[in-house]
Each structure stands twice: as structure tokens, then as C-alpha cells.
PDB file of N, CA and C in Angstrom:
ATOM      1  N   MET A   1      58.603  27.758  58.834  1.00  0.00           N
ATOM      2  CA  MET A   1      58.885  27.245  57.503  1.00  0.00           C
ATOM      3  C   MET A   1      57.643  26.518  57.008  1.00  0.00           C
ATOM      4  N   PRO A   2      57.192  26.808  55.799  1.00  0.00           N
ATOM      5  CA  PRO A   2      55.984  26.157  55.296  1.00  0.00           C
ATOM      6  C   PRO A   2      56.236  24.671  55.043  1.00  0.00           C
ATOM      7  N   ARG A   3      55.169  23.905  55.153  1.00  0.00           N
ATOM      8  CA  ARG A   3      55.289  22.473  54.902  1.00  0.00           C
ATOM      9  C   ARG A   3      55.573  22.236  53.427  1.00  0.00           C
ATOM     10  N   PRO A   4      56.403  21.241  53.134  1.00  0.00           N
ATOM     11  CA  PRO A   4      56.710  20.960  51.730  1.00  0.00           C
ATOM     12  C   PRO A   4      55.498  20.369  51.012  1.00  0.00           C
ATOM     13  N   TYR A   5      55.449  20.606  49.726  1.00  0.00           N
ATOM     14  CA  TYR A   5      54.375  20.049  48.911  1.00  0.00           C
ATOM     15  C   TYR A   5      54.599  18.547  48.737  1.00  0.00           C
ATOM     16  N   PRO A   6      53.531  17.774  48.589  1.00  0.00           N
ATOM     17  CA  PRO A   6      53.688  16.332  48.368  1.00  0.00           C
ATOM     18  C   PRO A   6      54.462  16.064  47.073  1.00  0.00           C
ATOM     19  N   LYS A   7      55.202  14.971  47.060  1.00  0.00           N
ATOM     20  CA  LYS A   7      56.018  14.617  45.904  1.00  0.00           C
ATOM     21  C   LYS A   7      55.169  14.467  44.649  1.00  0.00           C
ATOM     22  N   GLU A   8      54.003  13.881  44.775  1.00  0.00           N
ATOM     23  CA  GLU A   8      53.127  13.692  43.615  1.00  0.00           C
ATOM     24  C   GLU A   8      52.748  15.039  43.001  1.00  0.00           C
ATOM     25  N   PHE A   9      52.454  16.020  43.866  1.00  0.00           N
ATOM     26  CA  PHE A   9      52.106  17.362  43.388  1.00  0.00           C
ATOM     27  C   PHE A   9      53.287  17.969  42.640  1.00  0.00           C
ATOM     28  N   ARG A  10      54.484  17.888  43.239  1.00  0.00           N
ATOM     29  CA  ARG A  10      55.677  18.443  42.590  1.00  0.00           C
ATOM     30  C   ARG A  10      55.923  17.777  41.243  1.00  0.00           C
ATOM     31  N   ASP A  11      55.784  16.445  41.208  1.00  0.00           N
ATOM     32  CA  ASP A  11      56.006  15.715  39.959  1.00  0.00           C
ATOM     33  C   ASP A  11      55.011  16.144  38.881  1.00  0.00           C
ATOM     34  N   ASP A  12      53.750  16.342  39.269  1.00  0.00           N
ATOM     35  CA  ASP A  12      52.726  16.771  38.307  1.00  0.00           C
ATOM     36  C   ASP A  12      53.029  18.166  37.761  1.00  0.00           C
ATOM     37  N   VAL A  13      53.411  19.072  38.650  1.00  0.00           N
ATOM     38  CA  VAL A  13      53.707  20.449  38.229  1.00  0.00           C
ATOM     39  C   VAL A  13      54.922  20.459  37.293  1.00  0.00           C
ATOM     40  N   VAL A  14      55.944  19.679  37.622  1.00  0.00           N
ATOM     41  CA  VAL A  14      57.137  19.611  36.771  1.00  0.00           C
ATOM     42  C   VAL A  14      56.775  19.046  35.404  1.00  0.00           C
ATOM     43  N   ALA A  15      55.921  18.022  35.378  1.00  0.00           N
ATOM     44  CA  ALA A  15      55.514  17.429  34.105  1.00  0.00           C
ATOM     45  C   ALA A  15      54.777  18.453  33.236  1.00  0.00           C
ATOM     46  N   VAL A  16      53.887  19.228  33.849  1.00  0.00           N
ATOM     47  CA  VAL A  16      53.150  20.253  33.111  1.00  0.00           C
ATOM     48  C   VAL A  16      54.117  21.314  32.590  1.00  0.00           C
ATOM     49  N   ALA A  17      55.067  21.734  33.432  1.00  0.00           N
ATOM     50  CA  ALA A  17      56.018  22.769  33.018  1.00  0.00           C
ATOM     51  C   ALA A  17      56.916  22.273  31.893  1.00  0.00           C
ATOM     52  N   ARG A  18      57.287  21.005  31.937  1.00  0.00           N
ATOM     53  CA  ARG A  18      58.168  20.456  30.907  1.00  0.00           C
ATOM     54  C   ARG A  18      57.467  20.309  29.553  1.00  0.00           C
ATOM     55  N   ARG A  19      56.163  20.173  29.582  1.00  0.00           N
ATOM     56  CA  ARG A  19      55.437  20.069  28.298  1.00  0.00           C
ATOM     57  C   ARG A  19      55.627  21.324  27.463  1.00  0.00           C
ATOM     58  N   GLY A  20      55.785  22.454  28.113  1.00  0.00           N
ATOM     59  CA  GLY A  20      56.057  23.699  27.396  1.00  0.00           C
ATOM     60  C   GLY A  20      54.826  24.349  26.796  1.00  0.00           C
ATOM     61  N   ASP A  21      53.633  23.944  27.224  1.00  0.00           N
ATOM     62  CA  ASP A  21      52.412  24.550  26.703  1.00  0.00           C
ATOM     63  C   ASP A  21      52.236  25.992  27.179  1.00  0.00           C
ATOM     64  N   ALA A  22      52.808  26.310  28.335  1.00  0.00           N
ATOM     65  CA  ALA A  22      52.670  27.654  28.904  1.00  0.00           C
ATOM     66  C   ALA A  22      54.017  28.054  29.515  1.00  0.00           C
ATOM     67  N   PRO A  23      54.254  29.350  29.629  1.00  0.00           N
ATOM     68  CA  PRO A  23      55.499  29.798  30.266  1.00  0.00           C
ATOM     69  C   PRO A  23      55.553  29.352  31.737  1.00  0.00           C
ATOM     70  N   ILE A  24      56.756  29.241  32.256  1.00  0.00           N
ATOM     71  CA  ILE A  24      56.943  28.799  33.641  1.00  0.00           C
ATOM     72  C   ILE A  24      56.192  29.705  34.611  1.00  0.00           C
ATOM     73  N   LYS A  25      56.213  30.989  34.335  1.00  0.00           N
ATOM     74  CA  LYS A  25      55.508  31.938  35.207  1.00  0.00           C
ATOM     75  C   LYS A  25      54.020  31.620  35.272  1.00  0.00           C
ATOM     76  N   GLN A  26      53.427  31.278  34.139  1.00  0.00           N
ATOM     77  CA  GLN A  26      52.000  30.955  34.089  1.00  0.00           C
ATOM     78  C   GLN A  26      51.708  29.633  34.790  1.00  0.00           C
ATOM     79  N   VAL A  27      52.557  28.631  34.573  1.00  0.00           N
ATOM     80  CA  VAL A  27      52.362  27.329  35.228  1.00  0.00           C
ATOM     81  C   VAL A  27      52.414  27.500  36.745  1.00  0.00           C
ATOM     82  N   ALA A  28      53.400  28.255  37.221  1.00  0.00           N
ATOM     83  CA  ALA A  28      53.525  28.494  38.661  1.00  0.00           C
ATOM     84  C   ALA A  28      52.290  29.187  39.206  1.00  0.00           C
ATOM     85  N   ALA A  29      51.797  30.193  38.490  1.00  0.00           N
ATOM     86  CA  ALA A  29      50.604  30.916  38.938  1.00  0.00           C
ATOM     87  C   ALA A  29      49.381  29.999  38.942  1.00  0.00           C
ATOM     88  N   ASP A  30      49.257  29.153  37.921  1.00  0.00           N
ATOM     89  CA  ASP A  30      48.113  28.238  37.837  1.00  0.00           C
ATOM     90  C   ASP A  30      48.071  27.265  39.017  1.00  0.00           C
ATOM     91  N   PHE A  31      49.239  26.850  39.480  1.00  0.00           N
ATOM     92  CA  PHE A  31      49.298  25.896  40.587  1.00  0.00           C
ATOM     93  C   PHE A  31      49.435  26.575  41.947  1.00  0.00           C
ATOM     94  N   GLY A  32      49.540  27.893  41.955  1.00  0.00           N
ATOM     95  CA  GLY A  32      49.603  28.628  43.214  1.00  0.00           C
ATOM     96  C   GLY A  32      50.932  28.520  43.942  1.00  0.00           C
ATOM     97  N   ILE A  33      52.010  28.430  43.178  1.00  0.00           N
ATOM     98  CA  ILE A  33      53.339  28.380  43.785  1.00  0.00           C
ATOM     99  C   ILE A  33      54.185  29.501  43.203  1.00  0.00           C
ATOM    100  N   ALA A  34      55.294  29.770  43.851  1.00  0.00           N
ATOM    101  CA  ALA A  34      56.203  30.817  43.367  1.00  0.00           C
ATOM    102  C   ALA A  34      56.973  30.311  42.148  1.00  0.00           C
ATOM    103  N   GLU A  35      57.285  31.227  41.264  1.00  0.00           N
ATOM    104  CA  GLU A  35      58.047  30.871  40.062  1.00  0.00           C
ATOM    105  C   GLU A  35      59.414  30.301  40.435  1.00  0.00           C
ATOM    106  N   SER A  36      60.052  30.885  41.451  1.00  0.00           N
ATOM    107  CA  SER A  36      61.363  30.392  41.883  1.00  0.00           C
ATOM    108  C   SER A  36      61.257  28.971  42.432  1.00  0.00           C
ATOM    109  N   CYS A  37      60.152  28.680  43.087  1.00  0.00           N
ATOM    110  CA  CYS A  37      59.921  27.331  43.607  1.00  0.00           C
ATOM    111  C   CYS A  37      59.848  26.329  42.448  1.00  0.00           C
ATOM    112  N   LEU A  38      59.099  26.681  41.416  1.00  0.00           N
ATOM    113  CA  LEU A  38      58.979  25.810  40.251  1.00  0.00           C
ATOM    114  C   LEU A  38      60.328  25.638  39.564  1.00  0.00           C
ATOM    115  N   ARG A  39      61.097  26.700  39.455  1.00  0.00           N
ATOM    116  CA  ARG A  39      62.423  26.589  38.844  1.00  0.00           C
ATOM    117  C   ARG A  39      63.321  25.643  39.653  1.00  0.00           C
ATOM    118  N   ASN A  40      63.234  25.726  40.982  1.00  0.00           N
ATOM    119  CA  ASN A  40      64.004  24.808  41.827  1.00  0.00           C
ATOM    120  C   ASN A  40      63.565  23.360  41.600  1.00  0.00           C
ATOM    121  N   TRP A  41      62.249  23.137  41.498  1.00  0.00           N
ATOM    122  CA  TRP A  41      61.738  21.784  41.260  1.00  0.00           C
ATOM    123  C   TRP A  41      62.211  21.258  39.906  1.00  0.00           C
ATOM    124  N   LEU A  42      62.221  22.129  38.904  1.00  0.00           N
ATOM    125  CA  LEU A  42      62.695  21.721  37.576  1.00  0.00           C
ATOM    126  C   LEU A  42      64.179  21.365  37.615  1.00  0.00           C
ATOM    127  N   ARG A  43      64.965  22.175  38.317  1.00  0.00           N
ATOM    128  CA  ARG A  43      66.400  21.900  38.437  1.00  0.00           C
ATOM    129  C   ARG A  43      66.628  20.569  39.159  1.00  0.00           C
ATOM    130  N   ASP A  44      65.912  20.363  40.264  1.00  0.00           N
ATOM    131  CA  ASP A  44      66.046  19.112  41.019  1.00  0.00           C
ATOM    132  C   ASP A  44      65.639  17.906  40.173  1.00  0.00           C
ATOM    133  N   ALA A  45      64.586  18.064  39.385  1.00  0.00           N
ATOM    134  CA  ALA A  45      64.125  16.977  38.520  1.00  0.00           C
ATOM    135  C   ALA A  45      65.155  16.670  37.439  1.00  0.00           C
ATOM    136  N   ASP A  46      65.786  17.705  36.891  1.00  0.00           N
ATOM    137  CA  ASP A  46      66.826  17.496  35.879  1.00  0.00           C
ATOM    138  C   ASP A  46      68.019  16.751  36.464  1.00  0.00           C
ATOM    139  N   VAL A  47      68.394  17.076  37.702  1.00  0.00           N
ATOM    140  CA  VAL A  47      69.504  16.387  38.365  1.00  0.00           C
ATOM    141  C   VAL A  47      69.117  14.928  38.617  1.00  0.00           C
ATOM    142  N   ALA A  48      67.909  14.718  39.124  1.00  0.00           N
ATOM    143  CA  ALA A  48      67.456  13.358  39.423  1.00  0.00           C
ATOM    144  C   ALA A  48      67.355  12.507  38.161  1.00  0.00           C
ATOM    145  N   ASP A  49      66.984  13.118  37.043  1.00  0.00           N
ATOM    146  CA  ASP A  49      66.859  12.384  35.776  1.00  0.00           C
ATOM    147  C   ASP A  49      68.195  12.198  35.068  1.00  0.00           C
ATOM    148  N   GLY A  50      69.239  12.853  35.576  1.00  0.00           N
ATOM    149  CA  GLY A  50      70.555  12.736  34.963  1.00  0.00           C
ATOM    150  C   GLY A  50      70.768  13.680  33.798  1.00  0.00           C
ATOM    151  N   ASN A  51      69.860  14.624  33.593  1.00  0.00           N
ATOM    152  CA  ASN A  51      69.993  15.596  32.506  1.00  0.00           C
ATOM    153  C   ASN A  51      70.916  16.750  32.868  1.00  0.00           C
ATOM    154  N   ARG A  52      71.255  16.860  34.133  1.00  0.00           N
ATOM    155  CA  ARG A  52      72.068  17.970  34.623  1.00  0.00           C
ATOM    156  C   ARG A  52      73.000  17.428  35.706  1.00  0.00           C
ATOM    157  N   PRO A  53      74.261  17.857  35.718  1.00  0.00           N
ATOM    158  CA  PRO A  53      75.159  17.364  36.772  1.00  0.00           C
ATOM    159  C   PRO A  53      74.753  17.915  38.130  1.00  0.00           C
ATOM    160  N   GLY A  54      74.973  17.132  39.140  1.00  0.00           N
ATOM    161  CA  GLY A  54      74.654  17.570  40.490  1.00  0.00           C
ATOM    162  C   GLY A  54      74.339  16.378  41.376  1.00  0.00           C
ATOM    163  N   VAL A  55      73.987  16.685  42.612  1.00  0.00           N
ATOM    164  CA  VAL A  55      73.684  15.668  43.608  1.00  0.00           C
ATOM    165  C   VAL A  55      72.213  15.770  43.972  1.00  0.00           C
ATOM    166  N   THR A  56      71.523  14.633  43.979  1.00  0.00           N
ATOM    167  CA  THR A  56      70.109  14.636  44.348  1.00  0.00           C
ATOM    168  C   THR A  56      69.969  14.874  45.847  1.00  0.00           C
ATOM    169  N   ARG A  57      68.766  15.194  46.278  1.00  0.00           N
ATOM    170  CA  ARG A  57      68.522  15.427  47.700  1.00  0.00           C
ATOM    171  C   ARG A  57      68.790  14.164  48.509  1.00  0.00           C
ATOM    172  N   THR A  58      68.439  13.013  47.962  1.00  0.00           N
ATOM    173  CA  THR A  58      68.667  11.746  48.655  1.00  0.00           C
ATOM    174  C   THR A  58      70.162  11.498  48.821  1.00  0.00           C
ATOM    175  N   GLU A  59      70.918  11.711  47.754  1.00  0.00           N
ATOM    176  CA  GLU A  59      72.361  11.523  47.833  1.00  0.00           C
ATOM    177  C   GLU A  59      72.986  12.496  48.820  1.00  0.00           C
ATOM    178  N   SER A  60      72.495  13.720  48.825  1.00  0.00           N
ATOM    179  CA  SER A  60      73.012  14.730  49.742  1.00  0.00           C
ATOM    180  C   SER A  60      72.738  14.323  51.191  1.00  0.00           C
ATOM    181  N   ALA A  61      71.550  13.819  51.461  1.00  0.00           N
ATOM    182  CA  ALA A  61      71.208  13.373  52.819  1.00  0.00           C
ATOM    183  C   ALA A  61      72.073  12.188  53.230  1.00  0.00           C
ATOM    184  N   GLU A  62      72.297  11.259  52.311  1.00  0.00           N
ATOM    185  CA  GLU A  62      73.148  10.108  52.604  1.00  0.00           C
ATOM    186  C   GLU A  62      74.578  10.550  52.883  1.00  0.00           C
ATOM    187  N   LEU A  63      75.065  11.515  52.125  1.00  0.00           N
ATOM    188  CA  LEU A  63      76.420  12.023  52.322  1.00  0.00           C
ATOM    189  C   LEU A  63      76.556  12.709  53.681  1.00  0.00           C
ATOM    190  N   ARG A  64      75.555  13.514  54.065  1.00  0.00           N
ATOM    191  CA  ARG A  64      75.580  14.160  55.381  1.00  0.00           C
ATOM    192  C   ARG A  64      75.612  13.120  56.491  1.00  0.00           C
ATOM    193  N   GLU A  65      74.788  12.080  56.370  1.00  0.00           N
ATOM    194  CA  GLU A  65      74.742  11.023  57.379  1.00  0.00           C
ATOM    195  C   GLU A  65      76.076  10.277  57.445  1.00  0.00           C
ATOM    196  N   ALA A  66      76.665   9.979  56.304  1.00  0.00           N
ATOM    197  CA  ALA A  66      77.961   9.294  56.273  1.00  0.00           C
ATOM    198  C   ALA A  66      79.041  10.153  56.923  1.00  0.00           C
ATOM    199  N   ASN A  67      79.041  11.449  56.635  1.00  0.00           N
ATOM    200  CA  ASN A  67      80.026  12.347  57.243  1.00  0.00           C
ATOM    201  C   ASN A  67      79.835  12.429  58.752  1.00  0.00           C
ATOM    202  N   ARG A  68      78.599  12.427  59.209  1.00  0.00           N
ATOM    203  CA  ARG A  68      78.315  12.450  60.648  1.00  0.00           C
ATOM    204  C   ARG A  68      78.864  11.184  61.311  1.00  0.00           C
ATOM    205  N   ARG A  69      78.628  10.037  60.681  1.00  0.00           N
ATOM    206  CA  ARG A  69      79.123   8.777  61.234  1.00  0.00           C
ATOM    207  C   ARG A  69      80.651   8.732  61.226  1.00  0.00           C
ATOM    208  N   ILE A  70      81.268   9.265  60.189  1.00  0.00           N
ATOM    209  CA  ILE A  70      82.732   9.305  60.127  1.00  0.00           C
ATOM    210  C   ILE A  70      83.288  10.137  61.281  1.00  0.00           C
ATOM    211  N   ARG A  71      82.688  11.314  61.538  1.00  0.00           N
ATOM    212  CA  ARG A  71      83.149  12.164  62.644  1.00  0.00           C
ATOM    213  C   ARG A  71      83.023  11.426  63.976  1.00  0.00           C
ATOM    214  N   LEU A  72      81.898  10.728  64.174  1.00  0.00           N
ATOM    215  CA  LEU A  72      81.680   9.983  65.410  1.00  0.00           C
ATOM    216  C   LEU A  72      82.718   8.869  65.563  1.00  0.00           C
ATOM    217  N   LEU A  73      82.976   8.133  64.491  1.00  0.00           N
ATOM    218  CA  LEU A  73      83.968   7.058  64.542  1.00  0.00           C
ATOM    219  C   LEU A  73      85.372   7.600  64.796  1.00  0.00           C
ATOM    220  N   GLU A  74      85.689   8.746  64.215  1.00  0.00           N
ATOM    221  CA  GLU A  74      86.994   9.358  64.458  1.00  0.00           C
ATOM    222  C   GLU A  74      87.139   9.765  65.918  1.00  0.00           C
ATOM    223  N   GLN A  75      86.054  10.285  66.518  1.00  0.00           N
ATOM    224  CA  GLN A  75      86.097  10.663  67.933  1.00  0.00           C
ATOM    225  C   GLN A  75      86.284   9.425  68.810  1.00  0.00           C
ATOM    226  N   GLU A  76      85.547   8.357  68.500  1.00  0.00           N
ATOM    227  CA  GLU A  76      85.677   7.125  69.269  1.00  0.00           C
ATOM    228  C   GLU A  76      87.087   6.556  69.136  1.00  0.00           C
ATOM    229  N   ASN A  77      87.646   6.613  67.947  1.00  0.00           N
ATOM    230  CA  ASN A  77      89.003   6.126  67.716  1.00  0.00           C
ATOM    231  C   ASN A  77      90.011   6.925  68.544  1.00  0.00           C
ATOM    232  N   GLU A  78      89.829   8.230  68.606  1.00  0.00           N
ATOM    233  CA  GLU A  78      90.728   9.081  69.386  1.00  0.00           C
ATOM    234  C   GLU A  78      90.653   8.741  70.871  1.00  0.00           C
ATOM    235  N   VAL A  79      89.456   8.494  71.383  1.00  0.00           N
ATOM    236  CA  VAL A  79      89.295   8.115  72.790  1.00  0.00           C
ATOM    237  C   VAL A  79      90.016   6.802  73.057  1.00  0.00           C
ATOM    238  N   LEU A  80      89.834   5.819  72.185  1.00  0.00           N
ATOM    239  CA  LEU A  80      90.494   4.528  72.361  1.00  0.00           C
ATOM    240  C   LEU A  80      92.020   4.656  72.277  1.00  0.00           C
ATOM    241  N   ARG A  81      92.503   5.499  71.355  1.00  0.00           N
ATOM    242  CA  ARG A  81      93.943   5.702  71.222  1.00  0.00           C
ATOM    243  C   ARG A  81      94.523   6.313  72.496  1.00  0.00           C
ATOM    244  N   ARG A  82      93.835   7.303  73.051  1.00  0.00           N
ATOM    245  CA  ARG A  82      94.305   7.936  74.287  1.00  0.00           C
ATOM    246  C   ARG A  82      94.249   6.977  75.468  1.00  0.00           C
ATOM    247  N   ALA A  83      93.190   6.164  75.526  1.00  0.00           N
ATOM    248  CA  ALA A  83      93.071   5.188  76.612  1.00  0.00           C
ATOM    249  C   ALA A  83      94.200   4.164  76.534  1.00  0.00           C
ATOM    250  N   ALA A  84      94.514   3.709  75.335  1.00  0.00           N
ATOM    251  CA  ALA A  84      95.600   2.743  75.172  1.00  0.00           C
ATOM    252  C   ALA A  84      96.928   3.364  75.574  1.00  0.00           C
ATOM    253  N   ALA A  85      97.156   4.610  75.200  1.00  0.00           N
ATOM    254  CA  ALA A  85      98.395   5.289  75.571  1.00  0.00           C
ATOM    255  C   ALA A  85      98.492   5.446  77.085  1.00  0.00           C
ATOM    256  N   TYR A  86      97.387   5.813  77.723  1.00  0.00           N
ATOM    257  CA  TYR A  86      97.367   5.989  79.180  1.00  0.00           C
ATOM    258  C   TYR A  86      97.639   4.664  79.880  1.00  0.00           C
ATOM    259  N   LEU A  87      96.982   3.613  79.440  1.00  0.00           N
ATOM    260  CA  LEU A  87      97.159   2.310  80.075  1.00  0.00           C
ATOM    261  C   LEU A  87      98.561   1.761  79.855  1.00  0.00           C
ATOM    262  N   SER A  88      99.151   2.007  78.701  1.00  0.00           N
ATOM    263  CA  SER A  88     100.513   1.526  78.458  1.00  0.00           C
ATOM    264  C   SER A  88     101.518   2.290  79.322  1.00  0.00           C
ATOM    265  N   GLN A  89     101.265   3.548  79.633  1.00  0.00           N
ATOM    266  CA  GLN A  89     102.136   4.332  80.508  1.00  0.00           C
ATOM    267  C   GLN A  89     102.038   3.856  81.949  1.00  0.00           C
ATOM    268  N   ALA A  90     100.875   3.396  82.360  1.00  0.00           N
ATOM    269  CA  ALA A  90     100.665   2.965  83.740  1.00  0.00           C
ATOM    270  C   ALA A  90     101.434   1.687  84.050  1.00  0.00           C
ATOM    271  N   HIS A  91     101.777   0.891  83.058  1.00  0.00           N
ATOM    272  CA  HIS A  91     102.450  -0.376  83.279  1.00  0.00           C
ATOM    273  C   HIS A  91     103.955  -0.320  83.030  1.00  0.00           C
ATOM    274  N   LEU A  92     104.511   0.854  82.825  1.00  0.00           N
ATOM    275  CA  LEU A  92     105.956   0.978  82.627  1.00  0.00           C
ATOM    276  C   LEU A  92     106.674   0.830  83.968  1.00  0.00           C
ATOM    277  N   PRO A  93     107.801   0.095  84.014  1.00  0.00           N
ATOM    278  CA  PRO A  93     108.544  -0.016  85.273  1.00  0.00           C
ATOM    279  C   PRO A  93     109.113   1.341  85.676  1.00  0.00           C
ATOM    280  N   GLY A  94     109.116   1.607  86.971  1.00  0.00           N
ATOM    281  CA  GLY A  94     109.666   2.861  87.477  1.00  0.00           C
ATOM    282  C   GLY A  94     108.638   3.973  87.548  1.00  0.00           C
ATOM    283  N   LYS A  95     107.489   3.779  86.966  1.00  0.00           N
ATOM    284  CA  LYS A  95     106.437   4.810  87.025  1.00  0.00           C
ATOM    285  C   LYS A  95     105.540   4.507  88.223  1.00  0.00           C
ATOM    286  N   GLY A  96     105.326   5.476  89.042  1.00  0.00           N
ATOM    287  CA  GLY A  96     104.383   5.339  90.135  1.00  0.00           C
ATOM    288  C   GLY A  96     104.936   4.636  91.362  1.00  0.00           C
ATOM    289  N   SER A  97     106.019   3.913  91.246  1.00  0.00           N
ATOM    290  CA  SER A  97     106.583   3.258  92.435  1.00  0.00           C
ATOM    291  C   SER A  97     107.973   3.821  92.691  1.00  0.00           C
ATOM    292  N   THR A  98     108.316   3.899  93.935  1.00  0.00           N
ATOM    293  CA  THR A  98     109.628   4.439  94.307  1.00  0.00           C
ATOM    294  C   THR A  98     110.523   3.281  94.701  1.00  0.00           C
ATOM    295  N   ARG A  99     111.626   3.130  94.027  1.00  0.00           N
ATOM    296  CA  ARG A  99     112.607   2.074  94.348  1.00  0.00           C
ATOM    297  C   ARG A  99     113.865   2.731  94.886  1.00  0.00           C
ATOM    298  N   SER A 100     114.486   2.100  95.840  1.00  0.00           N
ATOM    299  CA  SER A 100     115.718   2.635  96.407  1.00  0.00           C
ATOM    300  C   SER A 100     116.922   1.928  95.892  1.00  0.00           C
TER     301      SER A 100
END
């Protein structure tokens, strides 16, 4: 996978494309990037600026991390619930001991 372009470079290219002095295809060629790449950068910039509905990359990363932590906490909760159930069963009268 190619290394991502620096944020400053992306911001500059988006600014040039938004000026509208040249078609997107020409701007992409001038900067040596693919037209689809520039379109993605423009879409991401519109979302980040609030001009278009959607989730920014930062928000998406935060959401993934939150979901990961939720899954981990749910697993830990399940382990604790099972341990409590096991320990409560071990202390019931008549379990494990034989009375005559």
C-alpha cells in the first residue's frame, strides 16, 4: 500500500481544486495524483467542513476504538458474571458434601 500524502499537500490540492480555475482531471494531473484520489479528498474535505453529511476519518477511528472497548468490557463482564454464578453454586448447602 502506498504511503499516504502529507495532510498539508492534500489540503493544498483540495484548495486549488475548489478554486475552480481548472477541471479536476487537470488539477490531479498537475499534482501527479489520480483523479479518483482527488475526488476522495474533496469528498472528505466537504464532510470535514460540514458541507456534506457523513463521518470524518477521525470520528470513524474514534467510533471503531469505542466499539472495540465496548466488546472488551462486555467480555470481561461475562467472565465476571460466570465467576459469580460458579462461586454462588459452590456455597449452596448439599452441594459437594454427602450427608446421611
